[in-house]
Amino acid sequence: MISIHNDAAILLAKALSTAFDTVSLLVASLVIAGVLFIKKRKTQSLFILAGAGGNALFVAIIKNLAQVNRPINALLDSSGYSYPSGHCTGVIIFMGLIAYLAWQNWGRSQFVKVLSLTSFSLVVAFVSFDRVYLNVHWLSDVVGGCLFGAFWLSFCILIYENLKLTSRFKSETV
């Protein structure tokens, strides 16, 4: 990576790192959940909170269990353990939940499908590259973070869909 470093790219990478860090994504999730709650979409609000909150909790647990040290020549001050990348898991969960809800609410529109899938893919790719480019994570941290993020996102969607079916079934039988 050192061969492609330049001042402008490093500045952009640091900005991207700040925009998609765990705290920023958690705050954005809380804001979106609050808006959904106010709009009387309590189930979707809880879905966002459970996805983001569960991710933050499980990443912290995994980091403390694995205790992988970060690369020593990072271009950004980072604390804590390296594996898995919290940025990668967080962005997959956040963007994935937003894309999923967009498809649920406006999924008939081909434009929404393409826009949400493209946004999801680009942000995940840029954030994943960013972590290695800034040398704050090993490639294995990024891959592990992406895999855990995909697992947690799938798990959250599966639970959400099962709860929707269960509540729909209960309301139809009453």
Protein backbone atom coordinates (compact mmCIF):
# COMPACT_ATOMS: atom_id res chain seq x y z
CA MET A 1 0.00 0.00 0.00
CA ILE A 2 2.85 2.38 0.69
CA SER A 3 3.54 2.69 -3.05
CA ILE A 4 0.08 4.22 -3.66
CA HIS A 5 0.03 6.59 -0.68
CA ASN A 6 -0.27 10.31 -1.37
CA ASP A 7 -1.39 13.23 0.78
CA ALA A 8 -4.78 13.76 -0.91
CA ALA A 9 -5.71 10.07 -0.78
CA ILE A 10 -4.64 9.80 2.86
CA LEU A 11 -6.76 12.83 3.77
CA LEU A 12 -9.77 11.34 1.95
CA ALA A 13 -9.19 7.96 3.59
CA LYS A 14 -9.07 9.54 7.05
CA ALA A 15 -12.33 11.41 6.37
CA LEU A 16 -13.99 8.19 5.21
CA SER A 17 -12.70 6.44 8.32
CA THR A 18 -14.27 9.08 10.57
CA ALA A 19 -17.57 9.13 8.67
CA PHE A 20 -18.03 5.37 8.95
CA ASP A 21 -16.59 4.62 12.37
CA THR A 22 -18.61 2.63 14.89
CA VAL A 23 -19.76 5.68 16.86
CA SER A 24 -20.87 7.59 13.74
CA LEU A 25 -22.83 4.58 12.46
CA LEU A 26 -24.40 4.03 15.87
CA VAL A 27 -25.49 7.68 16.08
CA ALA A 28 -26.88 7.55 12.52
CA SER A 29 -28.74 4.36 13.43
CA LEU A 30 -30.23 6.02 16.51
CA VAL A 31 -31.38 9.01 14.44
CA ILE A 32 -32.95 6.79 11.78
CA ALA A 33 -34.58 4.60 14.45
CA GLY A 34 -35.95 7.74 16.12
CA VAL A 35 -37.43 9.00 12.87
CA LEU A 36 -38.99 5.59 12.19
CA PHE A 37 -40.40 5.50 15.72
CA ILE A 38 -41.95 8.97 15.32
CA LYS A 39 -43.46 7.84 12.00
CA LYS A 40 -45.09 4.94 13.90
CA ARG A 41 -42.83 2.33 12.32
CA LYS A 42 -41.84 0.87 15.64
CA THR A 43 -40.93 -2.57 14.32
CA GLN A 44 -38.54 -1.07 11.75
CA SER A 45 -37.12 1.22 14.43
CA LEU A 46 -36.43 -1.75 16.68
CA PHE A 47 -34.95 -3.62 13.70
CA ILE A 48 -32.39 -0.84 13.12
CA LEU A 49 -31.55 -0.59 16.84
CA ALA A 50 -31.14 -4.34 17.28
CA GLY A 51 -28.95 -4.60 14.19
CA ALA A 52 -26.65 -1.72 15.12
CA GLY A 53 -26.58 -2.39 18.86
CA GLY A 54 -26.02 -6.12 18.46
CA ASN A 55 -23.22 -5.45 16.01
CA ALA A 56 -21.43 -3.07 18.39
CA LEU A 57 -21.78 -5.56 21.26
CA PHE A 58 -20.64 -8.64 19.34
CA VAL A 59 -17.70 -6.89 17.66
CA ALA A 60 -16.47 -5.75 21.09
CA ILE A 61 -16.80 -9.31 22.42
CA ILE A 62 -15.01 -10.86 19.43
CA LYS A 63 -12.20 -8.27 19.57
CA ASN A 64 -11.61 -9.04 23.26
CA LEU A 65 -11.66 -12.79 22.66
CA ALA A 66 -9.33 -12.71 19.63
CA GLN A 67 -6.99 -9.95 20.94
CA VAL A 68 -5.24 -9.41 17.59
CA ASN A 69 -2.86 -6.45 17.66
CA ARG A 70 -3.05 -3.76 15.00
CA PRO A 71 -0.28 -3.12 12.47
CA ILE A 72 2.40 -0.95 14.04
CA ASN A 73 2.84 1.52 11.15
CA ALA A 74 -0.73 2.79 10.89
CA LEU A 75 -1.43 6.18 9.30
CA LEU A 76 -4.24 6.80 11.78
CA ASP A 77 -4.31 6.52 15.55
CA SER A 78 -6.54 3.58 16.42
CA SER A 79 -7.05 1.98 19.77
CA GLY A 80 -8.22 -1.45 20.74
CA TYR A 81 -7.73 -4.74 19.01
CA SER A 82 -7.72 -5.27 15.29
CA TYR A 83 -9.84 -8.35 14.54
CA PRO A 84 -12.53 -8.04 13.25
CA SER A 85 -12.78 -4.62 11.61
CA GLY A 86 -15.60 -2.77 13.34
CA HIS A 87 -15.78 -0.34 10.43
CA CYS A 88 -16.44 -3.18 7.97
CA THR A 89 -19.00 -4.95 10.10
CA GLY A 90 -20.71 -1.68 10.95
CA VAL A 91 -20.97 -0.45 7.39
CA ILE A 92 -22.32 -3.78 6.16
CA ILE A 93 -24.96 -3.79 8.91
CA PHE A 94 -25.89 -0.12 8.53
CA MET A 95 -26.00 0.00 4.73
CA GLY A 96 -27.56 -3.46 4.56
CA LEU A 97 -30.39 -2.58 6.94
CA ILE A 98 -31.07 0.67 5.07
CA ALA A 99 -31.03 -1.14 1.70
CA TYR A 100 -33.30 -3.87 3.06
CA LEU A 101 -35.85 -1.35 4.36
CA ALA A 102 -35.67 0.58 1.09
CA TRP A 103 -36.48 -2.60 -0.82
CA GLN A 104 -39.32 -3.36 1.59
CA ASN A 105 -40.88 0.09 1.23
CA TRP A 106 -40.06 1.03 -2.37
CA GLY A 107 -38.80 -2.25 -3.83
CA ARG A 108 -41.06 -2.17 -6.87
CA SER A 109 -38.96 0.65 -8.27
CA GLN A 110 -36.02 -0.61 -10.31
CA PHE A 111 -34.27 2.70 -9.58
CA VAL A 112 -34.44 2.09 -5.81
CA LYS A 113 -33.09 -1.42 -6.21
CA VAL A 114 -30.16 -0.31 -8.35
CA LEU A 115 -29.40 2.75 -6.21
CA SER A 116 -29.48 0.85 -2.90
CA LEU A 117 -27.42 -2.07 -4.20
CA THR A 118 -24.86 0.25 -5.83
CA SER A 119 -24.60 2.44 -2.72
CA PHE A 120 -24.21 -0.61 -0.47
CA SER A 121 -21.52 -2.15 -2.68
CA LEU A 122 -19.50 1.04 -3.16
CA VAL A 123 -19.51 2.09 0.48
CA VAL A 124 -18.54 -1.40 1.67
CA ALA A 125 -15.76 -1.60 -0.93
CA PHE A 126 -14.38 1.86 -0.11
CA VAL A 127 -14.49 1.35 3.65
CA SER A 128 -12.89 -2.09 3.36
CA PHE A 129 -10.07 -0.76 1.17
CA ASP A 130 -9.72 2.27 3.46
CA ARG A 131 -8.95 0.11 6.52
CA VAL A 132 -6.08 -1.64 4.77
CA TYR A 133 -4.91 1.54 2.98
CA LEU A 134 -4.54 3.38 6.29
CA ASN A 135 -2.81 0.28 7.67
CA VAL A 136 -5.04 0.16 10.75
CA HIS A 137 -6.14 -3.41 9.94
CA TRP A 138 -4.72 -6.54 8.45
CA LEU A 139 -6.51 -7.90 5.38
CA SER A 140 -7.76 -10.80 7.53
CA ASP A 141 -9.43 -8.28 9.88
CA VAL A 142 -11.33 -6.74 6.98
CA VAL A 143 -12.37 -10.11 5.55
CA GLY A 144 -13.44 -11.31 9.00
CA GLY A 145 -15.36 -8.08 9.59
CA CYS A 146 -17.15 -8.41 6.26
CA LEU A 147 -18.04 -12.04 6.95
CA PHE A 148 -19.31 -11.28 10.46
CA GLY A 149 -21.24 -8.27 9.12
CA ALA A 150 -22.87 -10.43 6.43
CA PHE A 151 -23.74 -13.06 9.06
CA TRP A 152 -25.23 -10.54 11.50
CA LEU A 153 -27.16 -8.75 8.75
CA SER A 154 -28.60 -12.05 7.50
CA PHE A 155 -29.47 -13.10 11.06
CA CYS A 156 -31.24 -9.79 11.77
CA ILE A 157 -33.23 -9.96 8.53
CA LEU A 158 -34.19 -13.59 9.20
CA ILE A 159 -35.43 -12.77 12.71
CA TYR A 160 -37.26 -9.67 11.44
CA GLU A 161 -39.00 -11.63 8.69
CA ASN A 162 -39.95 -14.42 11.12
CA LEU A 163 -41.38 -11.90 13.59
CA LYS A 164 -43.37 -10.25 10.79
CA LEU A 165 -44.81 -13.61 9.77
CA THR A 166 -45.60 -14.56 13.36
CA SER A 167 -47.34 -11.27 14.14
CA ARG A 168 -49.25 -11.36 10.85
CA PHE A 169 -50.32 -14.93 11.59
CA LYS A 170 -51.44 -14.04 15.12
CA SER A 171 -53.48 -11.05 13.95
CA GLU A 172 -55.18 -13.15 11.28
CA THR A 173 -56.16 -15.91 13.72
CA VAL A 174 -57.55 -13.62 16.44
